[in-house]
Amino acid sequence: MHLAIAVTNNMVAEHFGHAQKFVIFHIEHAKVVGKEELINPPHQKNFLPGFLKESKVDILIAGGIGSMAVEGLEANQIKVYCGVSGNVDEIINSYLGGKLISSNEVCVENHSHNH
């Protein structure tokens, strides 16, 4: 399984589309067996769901995220945890421990990105 976290400054990015990068954890039997980083390409509407699917991502963890992005990710069979905040290491450990909770709240599409 491949789990991606939208990251800015080693913290879960406040907004999915504006993350500096995606840290992708390769997980087998509830343990991290590999890790890679993908720089977030310049913003293109509806691009990231397919980009992450091409990187074999199964799960995405982000802070704020719009409903169109969630729909695009789910259409690519990527499960979304949103409304998450914290340090990347804490978040992956929380996920592996079965303690990560998604708020399931999405951002309004035309917001100012000043979370």
PDB file of N, CA and C in Angstrom:
ATOM      1  N   MET A   1       0.836  -1.170   0.000  1.00  0.00           N
ATOM      2  CA  MET A   1       0.000   0.000   0.000  1.00  0.00           C
ATOM      3  C   MET A   1       0.885   1.238   0.000  1.00  0.00           C
ATOM      4  N   HIS A   2       0.425   2.287  -0.651  1.00  0.00           N
ATOM      5  CA  HIS A   2       1.149   3.553  -0.706  1.00  0.00           C
ATOM      6  C   HIS A   2       0.267   4.649  -0.103  1.00  0.00           C
ATOM      7  N   LEU A   3       0.779   5.299   0.925  1.00  0.00           N
ATOM      8  CA  LEU A   3       0.064   6.358   1.622  1.00  0.00           C
ATOM      9  C   LEU A   3       0.818   7.666   1.416  1.00  0.00           C
ATOM     10  N   ALA A   4       0.127   8.690   0.913  1.00  0.00           N
ATOM     11  CA  ALA A   4       0.754   9.993   0.671  1.00  0.00           C
ATOM     12  C   ALA A   4       0.248  11.008   1.685  1.00  0.00           C
ATOM     13  N   ILE A   5       1.168  11.833   2.163  1.00  0.00           N
ATOM     14  CA  ILE A   5       0.806  12.946   3.029  1.00  0.00           C
ATOM     15  C   ILE A   5       1.192  14.227   2.302  1.00  0.00           C
ATOM     16  N   ALA A   6       0.229  15.149   2.163  1.00  0.00           N
ATOM     17  CA  ALA A   6       0.517  16.467   1.592  1.00  0.00           C
ATOM     18  C   ALA A   6       1.287  17.248   2.652  1.00  0.00           C
ATOM     19  N   VAL A   7       2.494  17.729   2.300  1.00  0.00           N
ATOM     20  CA  VAL A   7       3.413  18.277   3.299  1.00  0.00           C
ATOM     21  C   VAL A   7       3.932  19.662   2.910  1.00  0.00           C
ATOM     22  N   THR A   8       4.016  20.526   3.913  1.00  0.00           N
ATOM     23  CA  THR A   8       4.712  21.803   3.825  1.00  0.00           C
ATOM     24  C   THR A   8       5.487  21.973   5.128  1.00  0.00           C
ATOM     25  N   ASN A   9       6.793  22.171   5.022  1.00  0.00           N
ATOM     26  CA  ASN A   9       7.664  22.353   6.197  1.00  0.00           C
ATOM     27  C   ASN A   9       7.529  21.226   7.225  1.00  0.00           C
ATOM     28  N   ASN A  10       7.507  19.999   6.755  1.00  0.00           N
ATOM     29  CA  ASN A  10       7.419  18.778   7.571  1.00  0.00           C
ATOM     30  C   ASN A  10       6.125  18.661   8.384  1.00  0.00           C
ATOM     31  N   MET A  11       5.133  19.460   8.029  1.00  0.00           N
ATOM     32  CA  MET A  11       3.821  19.397   8.674  1.00  0.00           C
ATOM     33  C   MET A  11       2.798  19.070   7.583  1.00  0.00           C
ATOM     34  N   VAL A  12       1.660  18.495   7.999  1.00  0.00           N
ATOM     35  CA  VAL A  12       0.593  18.268   7.034  1.00  0.00           C
ATOM     36  C   VAL A  12       0.210  19.637   6.465  1.00  0.00           C
ATOM     37  N   ALA A  13       0.189  19.739   5.145  1.00  0.00           N
ATOM     38  CA  ALA A  13      -0.118  21.011   4.484  1.00  0.00           C
ATOM     39  C   ALA A  13      -1.527  21.467   4.833  1.00  0.00           C
ATOM     40  N   GLU A  14      -1.668  22.765   5.048  1.00  0.00           N
ATOM     41  CA  GLU A  14      -2.984  23.318   5.364  1.00  0.00           C
ATOM     42  C   GLU A  14      -3.949  23.169   4.201  1.00  0.00           C
ATOM     43  N   HIS A  15      -3.420  23.113   2.981  1.00  0.00           N
ATOM     44  CA  HIS A  15      -4.287  22.887   1.828  1.00  0.00           C
ATOM     45  C   HIS A  15      -3.598  21.969   0.833  1.00  0.00           C
ATOM     46  N   PHE A  16      -4.281  20.922   0.465  1.00  0.00           N
ATOM     47  CA  PHE A  16      -3.799  19.868  -0.427  1.00  0.00           C
ATOM     48  C   PHE A  16      -3.115  20.411  -1.685  1.00  0.00           C
ATOM     49  N   GLY A  17      -3.775  21.285  -2.419  1.00  0.00           N
ATOM     50  CA  GLY A  17      -3.259  21.764  -3.697  1.00  0.00           C
ATOM     51  C   GLY A  17      -2.042  22.654  -3.582  1.00  0.00           C
ATOM     52  N   HIS A  18      -1.774  23.179  -2.389  1.00  0.00           N
ATOM     53  CA  HIS A  18      -0.657  24.100  -2.203  1.00  0.00           C
ATOM     54  C   HIS A  18       0.481  23.480  -1.397  1.00  0.00           C
ATOM     55  N   ALA A  19       0.459  22.182  -1.213  1.00  0.00           N
ATOM     56  CA  ALA A  19       1.531  21.495  -0.494  1.00  0.00           C
ATOM     57  C   ALA A  19       2.846  21.666  -1.252  1.00  0.00           C
ATOM     58  N   GLN A  20       3.959  21.743  -0.517  1.00  0.00           N
ATOM     59  CA  GLN A  20       5.271  21.799  -1.163  1.00  0.00           C
ATOM     60  C   GLN A  20       5.588  20.469  -1.837  1.00  0.00           C
ATOM     61  N   LYS A  21       5.180  19.383  -1.161  1.00  0.00           N
ATOM     62  CA  LYS A  21       5.512  18.048  -1.667  1.00  0.00           C
ATOM     63  C   LYS A  21       4.539  17.031  -1.091  1.00  0.00           C
ATOM     64  N   PHE A  22       4.663  15.819  -1.590  1.00  0.00           N
ATOM     65  CA  PHE A  22       3.919  14.683  -1.062  1.00  0.00           C
ATOM     66  C   PHE A  22       4.944  13.660  -0.586  1.00  0.00           C
ATOM     67  N   VAL A  23       4.841  13.268   0.668  1.00  0.00           N
ATOM     68  CA  VAL A  23       5.699  12.215   1.192  1.00  0.00           C
ATOM     69  C   VAL A  23       4.897  10.923   1.059  1.00  0.00           C
ATOM     70  N   ILE A  24       5.452   9.979   0.322  1.00  0.00           N
ATOM     71  CA  ILE A  24       4.752   8.720   0.072  1.00  0.00           C
ATOM     72  C   ILE A  24       5.431   7.606   0.858  1.00  0.00           C
ATOM     73  N   PHE A  25       4.643   6.981   1.722  1.00  0.00           N
ATOM     74  CA  PHE A  25       5.130   5.877   2.539  1.00  0.00           C
ATOM     75  C   PHE A  25       4.680   4.566   1.911  1.00  0.00           C
ATOM     76  N   HIS A  26       5.600   3.635   1.751  1.00  0.00           N
ATOM     77  CA  HIS A  26       5.286   2.289   1.271  1.00  0.00           C
ATOM     78  C   HIS A  26       5.066   1.444   2.528  1.00  0.00           C
ATOM     79  N   ILE A  27       3.871   0.901   2.654  1.00  0.00           N
ATOM     80  CA  ILE A  27       3.491   0.195   3.877  1.00  0.00           C
ATOM     81  C   ILE A  27       3.158  -1.261   3.557  1.00  0.00           C
ATOM     82  N   GLU A  28       3.743  -2.152   4.345  1.00  0.00           N
ATOM     83  CA  GLU A  28       3.430  -3.587   4.258  1.00  0.00           C
ATOM     84  C   GLU A  28       3.264  -4.119   5.666  1.00  0.00           C
ATOM     85  N   HIS A  29       2.200  -4.848   5.912  1.00  0.00           N
ATOM     86  CA  HIS A  29       1.938  -5.466   7.205  1.00  0.00           C
ATOM     87  C   HIS A  29       2.021  -4.442   8.345  1.00  0.00           C
ATOM     88  N   ALA A  30       1.410  -3.265   8.117  1.00  0.00           N
ATOM     89  CA  ALA A  30       1.328  -2.185   9.112  1.00  0.00           C
ATOM     90  C   ALA A  30       2.688  -1.618   9.510  1.00  0.00           C
ATOM     91  N   LYS A  31       3.672  -1.717   8.597  1.00  0.00           N
ATOM     92  CA  LYS A  31       5.002  -1.142   8.853  1.00  0.00           C
ATOM     93  C   LYS A  31       5.475  -0.387   7.612  1.00  0.00           C
ATOM     94  N   VAL A  32       6.175   0.709   7.834  1.00  0.00           N
ATOM     95  CA  VAL A  32       6.753   1.463   6.726  1.00  0.00           C
ATOM     96  C   VAL A  32       7.990   0.712   6.227  1.00  0.00           C
ATOM     97  N   VAL A  33       7.989   0.378   4.940  1.00  0.00           N
ATOM     98  CA  VAL A  33       9.110  -0.348   4.354  1.00  0.00           C
ATOM     99  C   VAL A  33       9.862   0.499   3.330  1.00  0.00           C
ATOM    100  N   GLY A  34       9.365   1.697   3.077  1.00  0.00           N
ATOM    101  CA  GLY A  34      10.021   2.599   2.146  1.00  0.00           C
ATOM    102  C   GLY A  34       9.346   3.953   2.179  1.00  0.00           C
ATOM    103  N   LYS A  35      10.045   4.944   1.656  1.00  0.00           N
ATOM    104  CA  LYS A  35       9.523   6.302   1.672  1.00  0.00           C
ATOM    105  C   LYS A  35      10.146   7.075   0.521  1.00  0.00           C
ATOM    106  N   GLU A  36       9.355   7.910  -0.124  1.00  0.00           N
ATOM    107  CA  GLU A  36       9.852   8.775  -1.185  1.00  0.00           C
ATOM    108  C   GLU A  36       9.128  10.109  -1.121  1.00  0.00           C
ATOM    109  N   GLU A  37       9.690  11.102  -1.767  1.00  0.00           N
ATOM    110  CA  GLU A  37       9.073  12.422  -1.801  1.00  0.00           C
ATOM    111  C   GLU A  37       8.850  12.842  -3.242  1.00  0.00           C
ATOM    112  N   LEU A  38       7.680  13.421  -3.498  1.00  0.00           N
ATOM    113  CA  LEU A  38       7.362  13.971  -4.813  1.00  0.00           C
ATOM    114  C   LEU A  38       7.111  15.461  -4.641  1.00  0.00           C
ATOM    115  N   ILE A  39       7.823  16.282  -5.387  1.00  0.00           N
ATOM    116  CA  ILE A  39       7.578  17.715  -5.358  1.00  0.00           C
ATOM    117  C   ILE A  39       6.234  17.973  -6.041  1.00  0.00           C
ATOM    118  N   ASN A  40       5.422  18.826  -5.440  1.00  0.00           N
ATOM    119  CA  ASN A  40       4.132  19.179  -6.013  1.00  0.00           C
ATOM    120  C   ASN A  40       4.377  20.020  -7.265  1.00  0.00           C
ATOM    121  N   PRO A  41       3.928  19.543  -8.427  1.00  0.00           N
ATOM    122  CA  PRO A  41       4.138  20.315  -9.658  1.00  0.00           C
ATOM    123  C   PRO A  41       3.324  21.616  -9.627  1.00  0.00           C
ATOM    124  N   PRO A  42       3.627  22.559 -10.521  1.00  0.00           N
ATOM    125  CA  PRO A  42       2.837  23.796 -10.562  1.00  0.00           C
ATOM    126  C   PRO A  42       1.345  23.486 -10.643  1.00  0.00           C
ATOM    127  N   HIS A  43       0.562  24.300  -9.947  1.00  0.00           N
ATOM    128  CA  HIS A  43      -0.871  24.039  -9.808  1.00  0.00           C
ATOM    129  C   HIS A  43      -1.578  23.982 -11.167  1.00  0.00           C
ATOM    130  N   GLN A  44      -2.286  22.884 -11.375  1.00  0.00           N
ATOM    131  CA  GLN A  44      -3.131  22.694 -12.547  1.00  0.00           C
ATOM    132  C   GLN A  44      -4.429  22.087 -12.041  1.00  0.00           C
ATOM    133  N   LYS A  45      -5.531  22.690 -12.362  1.00  0.00           N
ATOM    134  CA  LYS A  45      -6.824  22.221 -11.885  1.00  0.00           C
ATOM    135  C   LYS A  45      -7.052  20.758 -12.267  1.00  0.00           C
ATOM    136  N   ASN A  46      -7.463  19.957 -11.277  1.00  0.00           N
ATOM    137  CA  ASN A  46      -7.805  18.531 -11.447  1.00  0.00           C
ATOM    138  C   ASN A  46      -6.628  17.649 -11.883  1.00  0.00           C
ATOM    139  N   PHE A  47      -5.398  18.106 -11.714  1.00  0.00           N
ATOM    140  CA  PHE A  47      -4.223  17.343 -12.121  1.00  0.00           C
ATOM    141  C   PHE A  47      -3.763  16.352 -11.049  1.00  0.00           C
ATOM    142  N   LEU A  48      -3.782  16.768  -9.787  1.00  0.00           N
ATOM    143  CA  LEU A  48      -3.166  15.971  -8.729  1.00  0.00           C
ATOM    144  C   LEU A  48      -3.766  14.579  -8.520  1.00  0.00           C
ATOM    145  N   PRO A  49      -5.078  14.379  -8.625  1.00  0.00           N
ATOM    146  CA  PRO A  49      -5.583  13.002  -8.429  1.00  0.00           C
ATOM    147  C   PRO A  49      -4.933  11.996  -9.374  1.00  0.00           C
ATOM    148  N   GLY A  50      -4.824  12.319 -10.648  1.00  0.00           N
ATOM    149  CA  GLY A  50      -4.195  11.410 -11.601  1.00  0.00           C
ATOM    150  C   GLY A  50      -2.694  11.276 -11.362  1.00  0.00           C
ATOM    151  N   PHE A  51      -2.051  12.387 -10.994  1.00  0.00           N
ATOM    152  CA  PHE A  51      -0.625  12.395 -10.684  1.00  0.00           C
ATOM    153  C   PHE A  51      -0.325  11.451  -9.524  1.00  0.00           C
ATOM    154  N   LEU A  52      -1.143  11.510  -8.487  1.00  0.00           N
ATOM    155  CA  LEU A  52      -0.942  10.633  -7.324  1.00  0.00           C
ATOM    156  C   LEU A  52      -1.273   9.182  -7.665  1.00  0.00           C
ATOM    157  N   LYS A  53      -2.294   8.960  -8.481  1.00  0.00           N
ATOM    158  CA  LYS A  53      -2.637   7.592  -8.891  1.00  0.00           C
ATOM    159  C   LYS A  53      -1.487   6.979  -9.691  1.00  0.00           C
ATOM    160  N   GLU A  54      -0.854   7.773 -10.560  1.00  0.00           N
ATOM    161  CA  GLU A  54       0.293   7.275 -11.330  1.00  0.00           C
ATOM    162  C   GLU A  54       1.444   6.882 -10.406  1.00  0.00           C
ATOM    163  N   SER A  55       1.494   7.493  -9.231  1.00  0.00           N
ATOM    164  CA  SER A  55       2.515   7.159  -8.231  1.00  0.00           C
ATOM    165  C   SER A  55       2.058   6.041  -7.307  1.00  0.00           C
ATOM    166  N   LYS A  56       0.952   5.391  -7.680  1.00  0.00           N
ATOM    167  CA  LYS A  56       0.408   4.225  -6.984  1.00  0.00           C
ATOM    168  C   LYS A  56      -0.111   4.526  -5.571  1.00  0.00           C
ATOM    169  N   VAL A  57      -0.525   5.778  -5.346  1.00  0.00           N
ATOM    170  CA  VAL A  57      -1.058   6.165  -4.040  1.00  0.00           C
ATOM    171  C   VAL A  57      -2.439   5.543  -3.838  1.00  0.00           C
ATOM    172  N   ASP A  58      -2.642   4.960  -2.652  1.00  0.00           N
ATOM    173  CA  ASP A  58      -3.917   4.355  -2.274  1.00  0.00           C
ATOM    174  C   ASP A  58      -4.671   5.222  -1.263  1.00  0.00           C
ATOM    175  N   ILE A  59      -3.924   5.966  -0.454  1.00  0.00           N
ATOM    176  CA  ILE A  59      -4.488   6.781   0.619  1.00  0.00           C
ATOM    177  C   ILE A  59      -3.798   8.134   0.616  1.00  0.00           C
ATOM    178  N   LEU A  60      -4.572   9.207   0.787  1.00  0.00           N
ATOM    179  CA  LEU A  60      -4.009  10.548   0.892  1.00  0.00           C
ATOM    180  C   LEU A  60      -4.426  11.157   2.226  1.00  0.00           C
ATOM    181  N   ILE A  61      -3.471  11.798   2.891  1.00  0.00           N
ATOM    182  CA  ILE A  61      -3.750  12.534   4.120  1.00  0.00           C
ATOM    183  C   ILE A  61      -3.427  14.002   3.849  1.00  0.00           C
ATOM    184  N   ALA A  62      -4.385  14.880   4.169  1.00  0.00           N
ATOM    185  CA  ALA A  62      -4.194  16.312   3.935  1.00  0.00           C
ATOM    186  C   ALA A  62      -4.914  17.110   5.016  1.00  0.00           C
ATOM    187  N   GLY A  63      -4.599  18.396   5.057  1.00  0.00           N
ATOM    188  CA  GLY A  63      -5.331  19.318   5.921  1.00  0.00           C
ATOM    189  C   GLY A  63      -6.606  19.692   5.187  1.00  0.00           C
ATOM    190  N   GLY A  64      -6.671  20.919   4.710  1.00  0.00           N
ATOM    191  CA  GLY A  64      -7.823  21.351   3.927  1.00  0.00           C
ATOM    192  C   GLY A  64      -7.766  20.795   2.519  1.00  0.00           C
ATOM    193  N   ILE A  65      -8.940  20.511   1.977  1.00  0.00           N
ATOM    194  CA  ILE A  65      -9.031  19.989   0.608  1.00  0.00           C
ATOM    195  C   ILE A  65     -10.431  20.282   0.084  1.00  0.00           C
ATOM    196  N   GLY A  66     -10.508  20.646  -1.180  1.00  0.00           N
ATOM    197  CA  GLY A  66     -11.791  20.963  -1.791  1.00  0.00           C
ATOM    198  C   GLY A  66     -12.564  19.726  -2.223  1.00  0.00           C
ATOM    199  N   SER A  67     -13.867  19.909  -2.388  1.00  0.00           N
ATOM    200  CA  SER A  67     -14.730  18.778  -2.752  1.00  0.00           C
ATOM    201  C   SER A  67     -14.388  18.219  -4.131  1.00  0.00           C
ATOM    202  N   MET A  68     -13.995  19.087  -5.084  1.00  0.00           N
ATOM    203  CA  MET A  68     -13.627  18.581  -6.410  1.00  0.00           C
ATOM    204  C   MET A  68     -12.383  17.696  -6.333  1.00  0.00           C
ATOM    205  N   ALA A  69     -11.436  18.086  -5.493  1.00  0.00           N
ATOM    206  CA  ALA A  69     -10.228  17.267  -5.330  1.00  0.00           C
ATOM    207  C   ALA A  69     -10.580  15.924  -4.698  1.00  0.00           C
ATOM    208  N   VAL A  70     -11.434  15.942  -3.676  1.00  0.00           N
ATOM    209  CA  VAL A  70     -11.850  14.690  -3.031  1.00  0.00           C
ATOM    210  C   VAL A  70     -12.539  13.788  -4.044  1.00  0.00           C
ATOM    211  N   GLU A  71     -13.444  14.357  -4.843  1.00  0.00           N
ATOM    212  CA  GLU A  71     -14.142  13.561  -5.861  1.00  0.00           C
ATOM    213  C   GLU A  71     -13.154  12.970  -6.865  1.00  0.00           C
ATOM    214  N   GLY A  72     -12.158  13.768  -7.289  1.00  0.00           N
ATOM    215  CA  GLY A  72     -11.158  13.276  -8.232  1.00  0.00           C
ATOM    216  C   GLY A  72     -10.309  12.163  -7.648  1.00  0.00           C
ATOM    217  N   LEU A  73      -9.923  12.331  -6.383  1.00  0.00           N
ATOM    218  CA  LEU A  73      -9.131  11.296  -5.715  1.00  0.00           C
ATOM    219  C   LEU A  73      -9.936  10.010  -5.558  1.00  0.00           C
ATOM    220  N   GLU A  74     -11.178  10.142  -5.095  1.00  0.00           N
ATOM    221  CA  GLU A  74     -12.022   8.953  -4.915  1.00  0.00           C
ATOM    222  C   GLU A  74     -12.315   8.274  -6.253  1.00  0.00           C
ATOM    223  N   ALA A  75     -12.444   9.052  -7.331  1.00  0.00           N
ATOM    224  CA  ALA A  75     -12.657   8.469  -8.659  1.00  0.00           C
ATOM    225  C   ALA A  75     -11.430   7.662  -9.093  1.00  0.00           C
ATOM    226  N   ASN A  76     -10.273   7.993  -8.526  1.00  0.00           N
ATOM    227  CA  ASN A  76      -9.033   7.248  -8.796  1.00  0.00           C
ATOM    228  C   ASN A  76      -8.755   6.199  -7.722  1.00  0.00           C
ATOM    229  N   GLN A  77      -9.790   5.842  -6.960  1.00  0.00           N
ATOM    230  CA  GLN A  77      -9.705   4.830  -5.898  1.00  0.00           C
ATOM    231  C   GLN A  77      -8.670   5.193  -4.828  1.00  0.00           C
ATOM    232  N   ILE A  78      -8.568   6.497  -4.493  1.00  0.00           N
ATOM    233  CA  ILE A  78      -7.683   6.955  -3.430  1.00  0.00           C
ATOM    234  C   ILE A  78      -8.548   7.400  -2.256  1.00  0.00           C
ATOM    235  N   LYS A  79      -8.361   6.743  -1.112  1.00  0.00           N
ATOM    236  CA  LYS A  79      -9.102   7.100   0.101  1.00  0.00           C
ATOM    237  C   LYS A  79      -8.502   8.375   0.674  1.00  0.00           C
ATOM    238  N   VAL A  80      -9.357   9.292   1.139  1.00  0.00           N
ATOM    239  CA  VAL A  80      -8.908  10.596   1.623  1.00  0.00           C
ATOM    240  C   VAL A  80      -9.183  10.754   3.110  1.00  0.00           C
ATOM    241  N   TYR A  81      -8.143  11.154   3.843  1.00  0.00           N
ATOM    242  CA  TYR A  81      -8.261  11.608   5.229  1.00  0.00           C
ATOM    243  C   TYR A  81      -8.023  13.112   5.179  1.00  0.00           C
ATOM    244  N   CYS A  82      -9.022  13.913   5.553  1.00  0.00           N
ATOM    245  CA  CYS A  82      -8.849  15.359   5.494  1.00  0.00           C
ATOM    246  C   CYS A  82      -9.075  15.988   6.864  1.00  0.00           C
ATOM    247  N   GLY A  83      -8.691  17.257   6.962  1.00  0.00           N
ATOM    248  CA  GLY A  83      -8.808  17.957   8.233  1.00  0.00           C
ATOM    249  C   GLY A  83      -7.763  17.510   9.233  1.00  0.00           C
ATOM    250  N   VAL A  84      -6.679  16.922   8.722  1.00  0.00           N
ATOM    251  CA  VAL A  84      -5.625  16.390   9.582  1.00  0.00           C
ATOM    252  C   VAL A  84      -4.544  17.458   9.736  1.00  0.00           C
ATOM    253  N   SER A  85      -3.975  17.556  10.917  1.00  0.00           N
ATOM    254  CA  SER A  85      -2.865  18.493  11.132  1.00  0.00           C
ATOM    255  C   SER A  85      -1.820  17.832  12.014  1.00  0.00           C
ATOM    256  N   GLY A  86      -0.589  18.308  11.875  1.00  0.00           N
ATOM    257  CA  GLY A  86       0.484  17.801  12.715  1.00  0.00           C
ATOM    258  C   GLY A  86       1.732  17.480  11.934  1.00  0.00           C
ATOM    259  N   ASN A  87       2.724  17.022  12.648  1.00  0.00           N
ATOM    260  CA  ASN A  87       4.023  16.627  12.122  1.00  0.00           C
ATOM    261  C   ASN A  87       3.883  15.318  11.343  1.00  0.00           C
ATOM    262  N   VAL A  88       4.621  15.198  10.249  1.00  0.00           N
ATOM    263  CA  VAL A  88       4.526  14.020   9.379  1.00  0.00           C
ATOM    264  C   VAL A  88       4.777  12.719  10.145  1.00  0.00           C
ATOM    265  N   ASP A  89       5.812  12.695  10.980  1.00  0.00           N
ATOM    266  CA  ASP A  89       6.121  11.468  11.722  1.00  0.00           C
ATOM    267  C   ASP A  89       4.999  11.100  12.682  1.00  0.00           C
ATOM    268  N   GLU A  90       4.415  12.093  13.359  1.00  0.00           N
ATOM    269  CA  GLU A  90       3.300  11.826  14.271  1.00  0.00           C
ATOM    270  C   GLU A  90       2.097  11.283  13.506  1.00  0.00           C
ATOM    271  N   ILE A  91       1.851  11.847  12.335  1.00  0.00           N
ATOM    272  CA  ILE A  91       0.677  11.442  11.545  1.00  0.00           C
ATOM    273  C   ILE A  91       0.830  10.007  11.038  1.00  0.00           C
ATOM    274  N   ILE A  92       1.991   9.654  10.505  1.00  0.00           N
ATOM    275  CA  ILE A  92       2.157   8.282  10.010  1.00  0.00           C
ATOM    276  C   ILE A  92       2.066   7.291  11.165  1.00  0.00           C
ATOM    277  N   ASN A  93       2.615   7.638  12.311  1.00  0.00           N
ATOM    278  CA  ASN A  93       2.519   6.746  13.469  1.00  0.00           C
ATOM    279  C   ASN A  93       1.073   6.620  13.944  1.00  0.00           C
ATOM    280  N   SER A  94       0.332   7.712  13.907  1.00  0.00           N
ATOM    281  CA  SER A  94      -1.081   7.672  14.277  1.00  0.00           C
ATOM    282  C   SER A  94      -1.861   6.778  13.314  1.00  0.00           C
ATOM    283  N   TYR A  95      -1.584   6.900  12.011  1.00  0.00           N
ATOM    284  CA  TYR A  95      -2.251   6.058  11.021  1.00  0.00           C
ATOM    285  C   TYR A  95      -1.926   4.585  11.265  1.00  0.00           C
ATOM    286  N   LEU A  96      -0.646   4.273  11.414  1.00  0.00           N
ATOM    287  CA  LEU A  96      -0.237   2.882  11.620  1.00  0.00           C
ATOM    288  C   LEU A  96      -0.815   2.310  12.903  1.00  0.00           C
ATOM    289  N   GLY A  97      -1.040   3.158  13.898  1.00  0.00           N
ATOM    290  CA  GLY A  97      -1.615   2.719  15.164  1.00  0.00           C
ATOM    291  C   GLY A  97      -3.134   2.675  15.155  1.00  0.00           C
ATOM    292  N   GLY A  98      -3.733   2.988  14.002  1.00  0.00           N
ATOM    293  CA  GLY A  98      -5.189   2.951  13.882  1.00  0.00           C
ATOM    294  C   GLY A  98      -5.887   4.097  14.603  1.00  0.00           C
ATOM    295  N   LYS A  99      -5.159   5.189  14.854  1.00  0.00           N
ATOM    296  CA  LYS A  99      -5.725   6.295  15.628  1.00  0.00           C
ATOM    297  C   LYS A  99      -5.986   7.555  14.816  1.00  0.00           C
ATOM    298  N   LEU A 100      -5.695   7.534  13.519  1.00  0.00           N
ATOM    299  CA  LEU A 100      -5.884   8.729  12.701  1.00  0.00           C
ATOM    300  C   LEU A 100      -7.362   8.907  12.385  1.00  0.00           C
ATOM    301  N   ILE A 101      -7.853  10.111  12.599  1.00  0.00           N
ATOM    302  CA  ILE A 101      -9.260  10.418  12.363  1.00  0.00           C
ATOM    303  C   ILE A 101      -9.368  11.500  11.301  1.00  0.00           C
ATOM    304  N   SER A 102     -10.242  11.280  10.340  1.00  0.00           N
ATOM    305  CA  SER A 102     -10.522  12.264   9.298  1.00  0.00           C
ATOM    306  C   SER A 102     -11.726  13.086   9.725  1.00  0.00           C
ATOM    307  N   SER A 103     -11.650  14.406   9.518  1.00  0.00           N
ATOM    308  CA  SER A 103     -12.797  15.251   9.850  1.00  0.00           C
ATOM    309  C   SER A 103     -13.893  15.117   8.803  1.00  0.00           C
ATOM    310  N   ASN A 104     -13.533  14.642   7.613  1.00  0.00           N
ATOM    311  CA  ASN A 104     -14.451  14.529   6.479  1.00  0.00           C
ATOM    312  C   ASN A 104     -15.046  15.862   6.065  1.00  0.00           C
ATOM    313  N   GLU A 105     -14.427  16.973   6.499  1.00  0.00           N
ATOM    314  CA  GLU A 105     -14.882  18.306   6.107  1.00  0.00           C
ATOM    315  C   GLU A 105     -14.026  18.790   4.956  1.00  0.00           C
ATOM    316  N   VAL A 106     -14.677  19.276   3.923  1.00  0.00           N
ATOM    317  CA  VAL A 106     -13.947  19.798   2.773  1.00  0.00           C
ATOM    318  C   VAL A 106     -14.047  21.312   2.759  1.00  0.00           C
ATOM    319  N   CYS A 107     -13.079  21.943   2.090  1.00  0.00           N
ATOM    320  CA  CYS A 107     -13.056  23.403   1.975  1.00  0.00           C
ATOM    321  C   CYS A 107     -14.062  23.864   0.929  1.00  0.00           C
ATOM    322  N   VAL A 108     -14.551  25.071   1.106  1.00  0.00           N
ATOM    323  CA  VAL A 108     -15.390  25.700   0.090  1.00  0.00           C
ATOM    324  C   VAL A 108     -14.482  25.980  -1.105  1.00  0.00           C
ATOM    325  N   GLU A 109     -14.947  25.692  -2.303  1.00  0.00           N
ATOM    326  CA  GLU A 109     -14.103  25.773  -3.494  1.00  0.00           C
ATOM    327  C   GLU A 109     -13.493  27.147  -3.753  1.00  0.00           C
ATOM    328  N   ASN A 110     -14.188  28.214  -3.498  1.00  0.00           N
ATOM    329  CA  ASN A 110     -13.680  29.547  -3.821  1.00  0.00           C
ATOM    330  C   ASN A 110     -13.189  30.268  -2.586  1.00  0.00           C
ATOM    331  N   HIS A 111     -12.356  29.632  -1.784  1.00  0.00           N
ATOM    332  CA  HIS A 111     -11.838  30.291  -0.607  1.00  0.00           C
ATOM    333  C   HIS A 111     -10.484  30.919  -0.909  1.00  0.00           C
ATOM    334  N   SER A 112      -9.997  31.704   0.008  1.00  0.00           N
ATOM    335  CA  SER A 112      -8.789  32.477  -0.232  1.00  0.00           C
ATOM    336  C   SER A 112      -7.505  31.730   0.056  1.00  0.00           C
ATOM    337  N   HIS A 113      -7.574  30.495   0.539  1.00  0.00           N
ATOM    338  CA  HIS A 113      -6.418  29.685   0.904  1.00  0.00           C
ATOM    339  C   HIS A 113      -5.665  30.240   2.094  1.00  0.00           C
ATOM    340  N   ASN A 114      -6.299  31.084   2.870  1.00  0.00           N
ATOM    341  CA  ASN A 114      -5.671  31.621   4.080  1.00  0.00           C
ATOM    342  C   ASN A 114      -6.251  30.935   5.291  1.00  0.00           C
ATOM    343  N   HIS A 115      -5.957  29.659   5.433  1.00  0.00           N
ATOM    344  CA  HIS A 115      -6.513  28.880   6.547  1.00  0.00           C
ATOM    345  C   HIS A 115      -5.930  29.336   7.845  1.00  0.00           C
TER     346      HIS A 115
END
